[in-house]
Amino acid sequence: MKPVKVTVCTGTTCHLMGASQFHTLKDHLDDDVKPYVILEGSHCLGFCGSKDLGQAPFVLLNGTPVARATLPKLVRWVEKMVREEPFSDGECPEMR
């Protein structure tokens, strides 16, 4: 098991686009994964201003920016990252 740091953008746009629900992430994770997840909020991550970086809401997963994050995607990705399981093609969290 490998620790995963989840940094949630709490800027206005990300908040309104769904990041407000990400504070419940740990409630949705399997019990064996929860101790390995560090969940924190951050002031605006500054990604909204760039057209090349995708759309809100944004999070960082171990420092890697992820656009258009959703709670179900975060649960799936974080559990795989903690368990060090491979991602299927097209599933890997990345800036989109």
PDB file of N, CA and C in Angstrom:
ATOM      1  N   MET A   1       0.854  -1.179   0.000  1.00  0.00           N
ATOM      2  CA  MET A   1       0.000   0.000   0.000  1.00  0.00           C
ATOM      3  C   MET A   1       0.900   1.243   0.000  1.00  0.00           C
ATOM      4  N   LYS A   2       0.479   2.215  -0.786  1.00  0.00           N
ATOM      5  CA  LYS A   2       1.270   3.427  -0.963  1.00  0.00           C
ATOM      6  C   LYS A   2       0.410   4.644  -0.622  1.00  0.00           C
ATOM      7  N   PRO A   3       0.919   5.588   0.179  1.00  0.00           N
ATOM      8  CA  PRO A   3       0.139   6.784   0.516  1.00  0.00           C
ATOM      9  C   PRO A   3      -0.164   7.627  -0.724  1.00  0.00           C
ATOM     10  N   VAL A   4      -1.337   8.239  -0.708  1.00  0.00           N
ATOM     11  CA  VAL A   4      -1.756   9.126  -1.791  1.00  0.00           C
ATOM     12  C   VAL A   4      -2.230  10.438  -1.177  1.00  0.00           C
ATOM     13  N   LYS A   5      -1.691  11.536  -1.683  1.00  0.00           N
ATOM     14  CA  LYS A   5      -2.103  12.865  -1.233  1.00  0.00           C
ATOM     15  C   LYS A   5      -3.072  13.442  -2.260  1.00  0.00           C
ATOM     16  N   VAL A   6      -4.271  13.786  -1.804  1.00  0.00           N
ATOM     17  CA  VAL A   6      -5.304  14.366  -2.657  1.00  0.00           C
ATOM     18  C   VAL A   6      -5.470  15.825  -2.250  1.00  0.00           C
ATOM     19  N   THR A   7      -5.154  16.735  -3.158  1.00  0.00           N
ATOM     20  CA  THR A   7      -5.304  18.160  -2.902  1.00  0.00           C
ATOM     21  C   THR A   7      -6.455  18.668  -3.754  1.00  0.00           C
ATOM     22  N   VAL A   8      -7.493  19.154  -3.092  1.00  0.00           N
ATOM     23  CA  VAL A   8      -8.712  19.599  -3.762  1.00  0.00           C
ATOM     24  C   VAL A   8      -8.685  21.116  -3.900  1.00  0.00           C
ATOM     25  N   CYS A   9      -8.898  21.600  -5.108  1.00  0.00           N
ATOM     26  CA  CYS A   9      -9.015  23.038  -5.319  1.00  0.00           C
ATOM     27  C   CYS A   9     -10.320  23.518  -4.692  1.00  0.00           C
ATOM     28  N   THR A  10     -10.222  24.533  -3.843  1.00  0.00           N
ATOM     29  CA  THR A  10     -11.418  25.079  -3.201  1.00  0.00           C
ATOM     30  C   THR A  10     -11.768  26.458  -3.755  1.00  0.00           C
ATOM     31  N   GLY A  11     -11.196  26.796  -4.901  1.00  0.00           N
ATOM     32  CA  GLY A  11     -11.542  28.056  -5.547  1.00  0.00           C
ATOM     33  C   GLY A  11     -13.006  28.061  -5.960  1.00  0.00           C
ATOM     34  N   THR A  12     -13.540  29.226  -6.218  1.00  0.00           N
ATOM     35  CA  THR A  12     -14.968  29.381  -6.506  1.00  0.00           C
ATOM     36  C   THR A  12     -15.432  28.513  -7.669  1.00  0.00           C
ATOM     37  N   THR A  13     -14.731  28.550  -8.788  1.00  0.00           N
ATOM     38  CA  THR A  13     -15.166  27.777  -9.957  1.00  0.00           C
ATOM     39  C   THR A  13     -15.172  26.285  -9.663  1.00  0.00           C
ATOM     40  N   CYS A  14     -14.093  25.779  -9.090  1.00  0.00           N
ATOM     41  CA  CYS A  14     -14.032  24.343  -8.777  1.00  0.00           C
ATOM     42  C   CYS A  14     -15.110  23.967  -7.769  1.00  0.00           C
ATOM     43  N   HIS A  15     -15.308  24.815  -6.774  1.00  0.00           N
ATOM     44  CA  HIS A  15     -16.343  24.554  -5.769  1.00  0.00           C
ATOM     45  C   HIS A  15     -17.714  24.425  -6.437  1.00  0.00           C
ATOM     46  N   LEU A  16     -18.033  25.366  -7.309  1.00  0.00           N
ATOM     47  CA  LEU A  16     -19.338  25.355  -7.976  1.00  0.00           C
ATOM     48  C   LEU A  16     -19.473  24.214  -8.986  1.00  0.00           C
ATOM     49  N   MET A  17     -18.357  23.742  -9.517  1.00  0.00           N
ATOM     50  CA  MET A  17     -18.387  22.666 -10.512  1.00  0.00           C
ATOM     51  C   MET A  17     -18.348  21.272  -9.886  1.00  0.00           C
ATOM     52  N   GLY A  18     -18.369  21.193  -8.550  1.00  0.00           N
ATOM     53  CA  GLY A  18     -18.478  19.888  -7.906  1.00  0.00           C
ATOM     54  C   GLY A  18     -17.428  19.540  -6.877  1.00  0.00           C
ATOM     55  N   ALA A  19     -16.376  20.335  -6.768  1.00  0.00           N
ATOM     56  CA  ALA A  19     -15.324  20.013  -5.799  1.00  0.00           C
ATOM     57  C   ALA A  19     -15.831  20.079  -4.363  1.00  0.00           C
ATOM     58  N   SER A  20     -16.951  20.747  -4.155  1.00  0.00           N
ATOM     59  CA  SER A  20     -17.502  20.861  -2.799  1.00  0.00           C
ATOM     60  C   SER A  20     -17.842  19.497  -2.204  1.00  0.00           C
ATOM     61  N   GLN A  21     -18.092  18.502  -3.037  1.00  0.00           N
ATOM     62  CA  GLN A  21     -18.427  17.166  -2.525  1.00  0.00           C
ATOM     63  C   GLN A  21     -17.188  16.306  -2.253  1.00  0.00           C
ATOM     64  N   PHE A  22     -16.022  16.755  -2.667  1.00  0.00           N
ATOM     65  CA  PHE A  22     -14.821  15.938  -2.527  1.00  0.00           C
ATOM     66  C   PHE A  22     -14.363  15.786  -1.081  1.00  0.00           C
ATOM     67  N   HIS A  23     -14.840  16.654  -0.184  1.00  0.00           N
ATOM     68  CA  HIS A  23     -14.452  16.528   1.228  1.00  0.00           C
ATOM     69  C   HIS A  23     -14.970  15.223   1.835  1.00  0.00           C
ATOM     70  N   THR A  24     -15.921  14.564   1.151  1.00  0.00           N
ATOM     71  CA  THR A  24     -16.463  13.291   1.639  1.00  0.00           C
ATOM     72  C   THR A  24     -15.733  12.085   1.042  1.00  0.00           C
ATOM     73  N   LEU A  25     -14.660  12.319   0.333  1.00  0.00           N
ATOM     74  CA  LEU A  25     -13.942  11.240  -0.357  1.00  0.00           C
ATOM     75  C   LEU A  25     -13.663  10.051   0.555  1.00  0.00           C
ATOM     76  N   LYS A  26     -13.124  10.302   1.739  1.00  0.00           N
ATOM     77  CA  LYS A  26     -12.753   9.191   2.629  1.00  0.00           C
ATOM     78  C   LYS A  26     -13.963   8.358   3.043  1.00  0.00           C
ATOM     79  N   ASP A  27     -15.135   8.974   3.093  1.00  0.00           N
ATOM     80  CA  ASP A  27     -16.352   8.232   3.442  1.00  0.00           C
ATOM     81  C   ASP A  27     -16.692   7.177   2.390  1.00  0.00           C
ATOM     82  N   HIS A  28     -16.206   7.358   1.182  1.00  0.00           N
ATOM     83  CA  HIS A  28     -16.530   6.468   0.066  1.00  0.00           C
ATOM     84  C   HIS A  28     -15.438   5.434  -0.229  1.00  0.00           C
ATOM     85  N   LEU A  29     -14.309   5.553   0.447  1.00  0.00           N
ATOM     86  CA  LEU A  29     -13.189   4.640   0.201  1.00  0.00           C
ATOM     87  C   LEU A  29     -13.329   3.365   1.018  1.00  0.00           C
ATOM     88  N   ASP A  30     -12.754   2.279   0.511  1.00  0.00           N
ATOM     89  CA  ASP A  30     -12.700   1.033   1.271  1.00  0.00           C
ATOM     90  C   ASP A  30     -11.884   1.263   2.544  1.00  0.00           C
ATOM     91  N   ASP A  31     -12.254   0.577   3.615  1.00  0.00           N
ATOM     92  CA  ASP A  31     -11.616   0.785   4.915  1.00  0.00           C
ATOM     93  C   ASP A  31     -10.111   0.550   4.893  1.00  0.00           C
ATOM     94  N   ASP A  32      -9.638  -0.408   4.107  1.00  0.00           N
ATOM     95  CA  ASP A  32      -8.202  -0.690   4.081  1.00  0.00           C
ATOM     96  C   ASP A  32      -7.399   0.419   3.408  1.00  0.00           C
ATOM     97  N   VAL A  33      -8.061   1.256   2.624  1.00  0.00           N
ATOM     98  CA  VAL A  33      -7.396   2.326   1.879  1.00  0.00           C
ATOM     99  C   VAL A  33      -7.333   3.624   2.692  1.00  0.00           C
ATOM    100  N   LYS A  34      -8.350   3.894   3.485  1.00  0.00           N
ATOM    101  CA  LYS A  34      -8.483   5.179   4.196  1.00  0.00           C
ATOM    102  C   LYS A  34      -7.231   5.647   4.930  1.00  0.00           C
ATOM    103  N   PRO A  35      -6.528   4.775   5.673  1.00  0.00           N
ATOM    104  CA  PRO A  35      -5.351   5.263   6.413  1.00  0.00           C
ATOM    105  C   PRO A  35      -4.218   5.775   5.523  1.00  0.00           C
ATOM    106  N   TYR A  36      -4.251   5.447   4.266  1.00  0.00           N
ATOM    107  CA  TYR A  36      -3.178   5.824   3.348  1.00  0.00           C
ATOM    108  C   TYR A  36      -3.489   7.086   2.540  1.00  0.00           C
ATOM    109  N   VAL A  37      -4.630   7.705   2.809  1.00  0.00           N
ATOM    110  CA  VAL A  37      -5.057   8.865   2.021  1.00  0.00           C
ATOM    111  C   VAL A  37      -4.955  10.136   2.854  1.00  0.00           C
ATOM    112  N   ILE A  38      -4.235  11.104   2.308  1.00  0.00           N
ATOM    113  CA  ILE A  38      -4.137  12.430   2.906  1.00  0.00           C
ATOM    114  C   ILE A  38      -5.007  13.336   2.050  1.00  0.00           C
ATOM    115  N   LEU A  39      -6.048  13.885   2.641  1.00  0.00           N
ATOM    116  CA  LEU A  39      -6.997  14.736   1.917  1.00  0.00           C
ATOM    117  C   LEU A  39      -6.869  16.155   2.438  1.00  0.00           C
ATOM    118  N   GLU A  40      -6.619  17.092   1.526  1.00  0.00           N
ATOM    119  CA  GLU A  40      -6.487  18.484   1.933  1.00  0.00           C
ATOM    120  C   GLU A  40      -7.107  19.399   0.890  1.00  0.00           C
ATOM    121  N   GLY A  41      -7.508  20.556   1.338  1.00  0.00           N
ATOM    122  CA  GLY A  41      -8.014  21.587   0.440  1.00  0.00           C
ATOM    123  C   GLY A  41      -6.918  22.595   0.156  1.00  0.00           C
ATOM    124  N   SER A  42      -7.046  23.284  -0.944  1.00  0.00           N
ATOM    125  CA  SER A  42      -6.076  24.303  -1.316  1.00  0.00           C
ATOM    126  C   SER A  42      -6.814  25.470  -1.948  1.00  0.00           C
ATOM    127  N   HIS A  43      -6.300  26.661  -1.713  1.00  0.00           N
ATOM    128  CA  HIS A  43      -6.857  27.805  -2.429  1.00  0.00           C
ATOM    129  C   HIS A  43      -6.721  27.522  -3.920  1.00  0.00           C
ATOM    130  N   CYS A  44      -7.279  28.334  -4.725  1.00  0.00           N
ATOM    131  CA  CYS A  44      -7.277  28.122  -6.172  1.00  0.00           C
ATOM    132  C   CYS A  44      -5.923  27.599  -6.657  1.00  0.00           C
ATOM    133  N   LEU A  45      -5.967  26.512  -7.393  1.00  0.00           N
ATOM    134  CA  LEU A  45      -4.745  25.920  -7.942  1.00  0.00           C
ATOM    135  C   LEU A  45      -4.276  26.653  -9.200  1.00  0.00           C
ATOM    136  N   GLY A  46      -5.119  27.528  -9.749  1.00  0.00           N
ATOM    137  CA  GLY A  46      -4.726  28.364 -10.868  1.00  0.00           C
ATOM    138  C   GLY A  46      -4.810  27.731 -12.244  1.00  0.00           C
ATOM    139  N   PHE A  47      -5.502  26.605 -12.364  1.00  0.00           N
ATOM    140  CA  PHE A  47      -5.575  25.924 -13.651  1.00  0.00           C
ATOM    141  C   PHE A  47      -6.685  26.451 -14.556  1.00  0.00           C
ATOM    142  N   CYS A  48      -7.675  27.106 -14.024  1.00  0.00           N
ATOM    143  CA  CYS A  48      -8.826  27.554 -14.823  1.00  0.00           C
ATOM    144  C   CYS A  48      -8.444  28.544 -15.917  1.00  0.00           C
ATOM    145  N   GLY A  49      -7.401  29.302 -15.712  1.00  0.00           N
ATOM    146  CA  GLY A  49      -7.010  30.323 -16.667  1.00  0.00           C
ATOM    147  C   GLY A  49      -6.382  29.788 -17.939  1.00  0.00           C
ATOM    148  N   SER A  50      -6.008  28.530 -17.965  1.00  0.00           N
ATOM    149  CA  SER A  50      -5.354  27.958 -19.141  1.00  0.00           C
ATOM    150  C   SER A  50      -6.319  27.077 -19.920  1.00  0.00           C
ATOM    151  N   LYS A  51      -6.485  27.378 -21.188  1.00  0.00           N
ATOM    152  CA  LYS A  51      -7.382  26.586 -22.038  1.00  0.00           C
ATOM    153  C   LYS A  51      -6.803  25.201 -22.330  1.00  0.00           C
ATOM    154  N   ASP A  52      -5.502  25.032 -22.154  1.00  0.00           N
ATOM    155  CA  ASP A  52      -4.843  23.758 -22.456  1.00  0.00           C
ATOM    156  C   ASP A  52      -4.956  22.733 -21.333  1.00  0.00           C
ATOM    157  N   LEU A  53      -5.399  23.149 -20.168  1.00  0.00           N
ATOM    158  CA  LEU A  53      -5.350  22.265 -19.007  1.00  0.00           C
ATOM    159  C   LEU A  53      -6.662  21.584 -18.670  1.00  0.00           C
ATOM    160  N   GLY A  54      -7.694  21.763 -19.436  1.00  0.00           N
ATOM    161  CA  GLY A  54      -8.961  21.097 -19.140  1.00  0.00           C
ATOM    162  C   GLY A  54      -9.910  21.985 -18.365  1.00  0.00           C
ATOM    163  N   GLN A  55     -10.918  21.362 -17.763  1.00  0.00           N
ATOM    164  CA  GLN A  55     -11.970  22.107 -17.078  1.00  0.00           C
ATOM    165  C   GLN A  55     -12.061  21.710 -15.613  1.00  0.00           C
ATOM    166  N   ALA A  56     -12.629  22.619 -14.835  1.00  0.00           N
ATOM    167  CA  ALA A  56     -12.863  22.381 -13.410  1.00  0.00           C
ATOM    168  C   ALA A  56     -13.909  21.278 -13.241  1.00  0.00           C
ATOM    169  N   PRO A  57     -13.901  20.630 -12.100  1.00  0.00           N
ATOM    170  CA  PRO A  57     -13.061  20.869 -10.927  1.00  0.00           C
ATOM    171  C   PRO A  57     -11.708  20.165 -11.042  1.00  0.00           C
ATOM    172  N   PHE A  58     -10.705  20.789 -10.407  1.00  0.00           N
ATOM    173  CA  PHE A  58      -9.344  20.282 -10.440  1.00  0.00           C
ATOM    174  C   PHE A  58      -8.935  19.709  -9.093  1.00  0.00           C
ATOM    175  N   VAL A  59      -8.125  18.668  -9.140  1.00  0.00           N
ATOM    176  CA  VAL A  59      -7.476  18.123  -7.948  1.00  0.00           C
ATOM    177  C   VAL A  59      -6.041  17.770  -8.321  1.00  0.00           C
ATOM    178  N   LEU A  60      -5.220  17.611  -7.314  1.00  0.00           N
ATOM    179  CA  LEU A  60      -3.881  17.070  -7.499  1.00  0.00           C
ATOM    180  C   LEU A  60      -3.847  15.704  -6.833  1.00  0.00           C
ATOM    181  N   LEU A  61      -3.383  14.697  -7.545  1.00  0.00           N
ATOM    182  CA  LEU A  61      -3.181  13.364  -6.982  1.00  0.00           C
ATOM    183  C   LEU A  61      -1.678  13.134  -6.921  1.00  0.00           C
ATOM    184  N   ASN A  62      -1.135  13.176  -5.710  1.00  0.00           N
ATOM    185  CA  ASN A  62       0.322  13.101  -5.519  1.00  0.00           C
ATOM    186  C   ASN A  62       1.033  14.118  -6.401  1.00  0.00           C
ATOM    187  N   GLY A  63       0.448  15.302  -6.522  1.00  0.00           N
ATOM    188  CA  GLY A  63       1.058  16.382  -7.278  1.00  0.00           C
ATOM    189  C   GLY A  63       0.724  16.407  -8.755  1.00  0.00           C
ATOM    190  N   THR A  64       0.038  15.383  -9.263  1.00  0.00           N
ATOM    191  CA  THR A  64      -0.345  15.345 -10.673  1.00  0.00           C
ATOM    192  C   THR A  64      -1.710  16.002 -10.843  1.00  0.00           C
ATOM    193  N   PRO A  65      -1.795  17.053 -11.663  1.00  0.00           N
ATOM    194  CA  PRO A  65      -3.084  17.730 -11.848  1.00  0.00           C
ATOM    195  C   PRO A  65      -4.080  16.863 -12.617  1.00  0.00           C
ATOM    196  N   VAL A  66      -5.312  16.893 -12.159  1.00  0.00           N
ATOM    197  CA  VAL A  66      -6.401  16.156 -12.802  1.00  0.00           C
ATOM    198  C   VAL A  66      -7.559  17.122 -13.019  1.00  0.00           C
ATOM    199  N   ALA A  67      -8.058  17.180 -14.242  1.00  0.00           N
ATOM    200  CA  ALA A  67      -9.186  18.048 -14.588  1.00  0.00           C
ATOM    201  C   ALA A  67     -10.473  17.241 -14.630  1.00  0.00           C
ATOM    202  N   ARG A  68     -11.590  17.943 -14.570  1.00  0.00           N
ATOM    203  CA  ARG A  68     -12.927  17.329 -14.645  1.00  0.00           C
ATOM    204  C   ARG A  68     -13.076  16.161 -13.667  1.00  0.00           C
ATOM    205  N   ALA A  69     -12.571  16.353 -12.474  1.00  0.00           N
ATOM    206  CA  ALA A  69     -12.648  15.298 -11.461  1.00  0.00           C
ATOM    207  C   ALA A  69     -14.090  15.122 -10.995  1.00  0.00           C
ATOM    208  N   THR A  70     -14.432  13.884 -10.678  1.00  0.00           N
ATOM    209  CA  THR A  70     -15.726  13.568 -10.071  1.00  0.00           C
ATOM    210  C   THR A  70     -15.447  12.669  -8.873  1.00  0.00           C
ATOM    211  N   LEU A  71     -16.383  12.615  -7.955  1.00  0.00           N
ATOM    212  CA  LEU A  71     -16.196  11.774  -6.777  1.00  0.00           C
ATOM    213  C   LEU A  71     -16.021  10.300  -7.150  1.00  0.00           C
ATOM    214  N   PRO A  72     -16.858   9.734  -8.039  1.00  0.00           N
ATOM    215  CA  PRO A  72     -16.644   8.328  -8.409  1.00  0.00           C
ATOM    216  C   PRO A  72     -15.272   8.063  -9.037  1.00  0.00           C
ATOM    217  N   LYS A  73     -14.801   8.983  -9.885  1.00  0.00           N
ATOM    218  CA  LYS A  73     -13.478   8.814 -10.485  1.00  0.00           C
ATOM    219  C   LYS A  73     -12.391   8.872  -9.420  1.00  0.00           C
ATOM    220  N   LEU A  74     -12.508   9.828  -8.499  1.00  0.00           N
ATOM    221  CA  LEU A  74     -11.499   9.950  -7.448  1.00  0.00           C
ATOM    222  C   LEU A  74     -11.438   8.698  -6.587  1.00  0.00           C
ATOM    223  N   VAL A  75     -12.597   8.163  -6.232  1.00  0.00           N
ATOM    224  CA  VAL A  75     -12.630   6.939  -5.425  1.00  0.00           C
ATOM    225  C   VAL A  75     -11.893   5.818  -6.158  1.00  0.00           C
ATOM    226  N   ARG A  76     -12.218   5.622  -7.411  1.00  0.00           N
ATOM    227  CA  ARG A  76     -11.602   4.548  -8.203  1.00  0.00           C
ATOM    228  C   ARG A  76     -10.089   4.760  -8.338  1.00  0.00           C
ATOM    229  N   TRP A  77      -9.689   5.985  -8.702  1.00  0.00           N
ATOM    230  CA  TRP A  77      -8.274   6.266  -8.911  1.00  0.00           C
ATOM    231  C   TRP A  77      -7.476   6.160  -7.620  1.00  0.00           C
ATOM    232  N   VAL A  78      -7.986   6.745  -6.542  1.00  0.00           N
ATOM    233  CA  VAL A  78      -7.250   6.735  -5.276  1.00  0.00           C
ATOM    234  C   VAL A  78      -7.088   5.306  -4.767  1.00  0.00           C
ATOM    235  N   GLU A  79      -8.136   4.505  -4.848  1.00  0.00           N
ATOM    236  CA  GLU A  79      -8.021   3.118  -4.391  1.00  0.00           C
ATOM    237  C   GLU A  79      -6.983   2.352  -5.212  1.00  0.00           C
ATOM    238  N   LYS A  80      -6.950   2.575  -6.507  1.00  0.00           N
ATOM    239  CA  LYS A  80      -5.946   1.912  -7.351  1.00  0.00           C
ATOM    240  C   LYS A  80      -4.539   2.406  -7.014  1.00  0.00           C
ATOM    241  N   MET A  81      -4.392   3.707  -6.801  1.00  0.00           N
ATOM    242  CA  MET A  81      -3.075   4.263  -6.494  1.00  0.00           C
ATOM    243  C   MET A  81      -2.559   3.740  -5.155  1.00  0.00           C
ATOM    244  N   VAL A  82      -3.405   3.706  -4.145  1.00  0.00           N
ATOM    245  CA  VAL A  82      -2.990   3.199  -2.836  1.00  0.00           C
ATOM    246  C   VAL A  82      -2.585   1.735  -2.942  1.00  0.00           C
ATOM    247  N   ARG A  83      -3.360   0.968  -3.645  1.00  0.00           N
ATOM    248  CA  ARG A  83      -3.087  -0.474  -3.784  1.00  0.00           C
ATOM    249  C   ARG A  83      -2.022  -0.777  -4.837  1.00  0.00           C
ATOM    250  N   GLU A  84      -1.558   0.279  -5.512  1.00  0.00           N
ATOM    251  CA  GLU A  84      -0.537   0.153  -6.555  1.00  0.00           C
ATOM    252  C   GLU A  84      -0.983  -0.783  -7.672  1.00  0.00           C
ATOM    253  N   GLU A  85      -2.260  -0.675  -8.030  1.00  0.00           N
ATOM    254  CA  GLU A  85      -2.822  -1.458  -9.131  1.00  0.00           C
ATOM    255  C   GLU A  85      -2.661  -0.681 -10.434  1.00  0.00           C
ATOM    256  N   PRO A  86      -2.459  -1.367 -11.540  1.00  0.00           N
ATOM    257  CA  PRO A  86      -2.316  -0.670 -12.826  1.00  0.00           C
ATOM    258  C   PRO A  86      -3.649  -0.080 -13.297  1.00  0.00           C
ATOM    259  N   PHE A  87      -3.548   0.991 -14.035  1.00  0.00           N
ATOM    260  CA  PHE A  87      -4.724   1.597 -14.656  1.00  0.00           C
ATOM    261  C   PHE A  87      -4.937   0.976 -16.025  1.00  0.00           C
ATOM    262  N   SER A  88      -6.206   0.811 -16.418  1.00  0.00           N
ATOM    263  CA  SER A  88      -6.487   0.341 -17.774  1.00  0.00           C
ATOM    264  C   SER A  88      -6.267   1.482 -18.756  1.00  0.00           C
ATOM    265  N   ASP A  89      -6.157   1.126 -20.017  1.00  0.00           N
ATOM    266  CA  ASP A  89      -5.949   2.137 -21.058  1.00  0.00           C
ATOM    267  C   ASP A  89      -7.043   3.187 -20.995  1.00  0.00           C
ATOM    268  N   GLY A  90      -6.647   4.445 -21.043  1.00  0.00           N
ATOM    269  CA  GLY A  90      -7.598   5.546 -21.047  1.00  0.00           C
ATOM    270  C   GLY A  90      -8.170   5.889 -19.688  1.00  0.00           C
ATOM    271  N   GLU A  91      -7.802   5.131 -18.651  1.00  0.00           N
ATOM    272  CA  GLU A  91      -8.362   5.379 -17.325  1.00  0.00           C
ATOM    273  C   GLU A  91      -7.438   6.202 -16.444  1.00  0.00           C
ATOM    274  N   CYS A  92      -6.181   6.255 -16.763  1.00  0.00           N
ATOM    275  CA  CYS A  92      -5.187   6.897 -15.913  1.00  0.00           C
ATOM    276  C   CYS A  92      -5.537   8.360 -15.656  1.00  0.00           C
ATOM    277  N   PRO A  93      -5.491   8.778 -14.381  1.00  0.00           N
ATOM    278  CA  PRO A  93      -5.777  10.181 -14.086  1.00  0.00           C
ATOM    279  C   PRO A  93      -4.688  11.086 -14.643  1.00  0.00           C
ATOM    280  N   GLU A  94      -5.077  12.019 -15.444  1.00  0.00           N
ATOM    281  CA  GLU A  94      -4.138  12.971 -16.014  1.00  0.00           C
ATOM    282  C   GLU A  94      -4.905  14.227 -16.377  1.00  0.00           C
ATOM    283  N   MET A  95      -4.175  15.266 -16.661  1.00  0.00           N
ATOM    284  CA  MET A  95      -4.807  16.511 -17.052  1.00  0.00           C
ATOM    285  C   MET A  95      -5.514  16.304 -18.380  1.00  0.00           C
ATOM    286  N   ARG A  96      -6.802  16.599 -18.415  1.00  0.00           N
ATOM    287  CA  ARG A  96      -7.589  16.406 -19.644  1.00  0.00           C
ATOM    288  C   ARG A  96      -8.231  17.702 -20.051  1.00  0.00           C
TER     289      ARG A  96
END
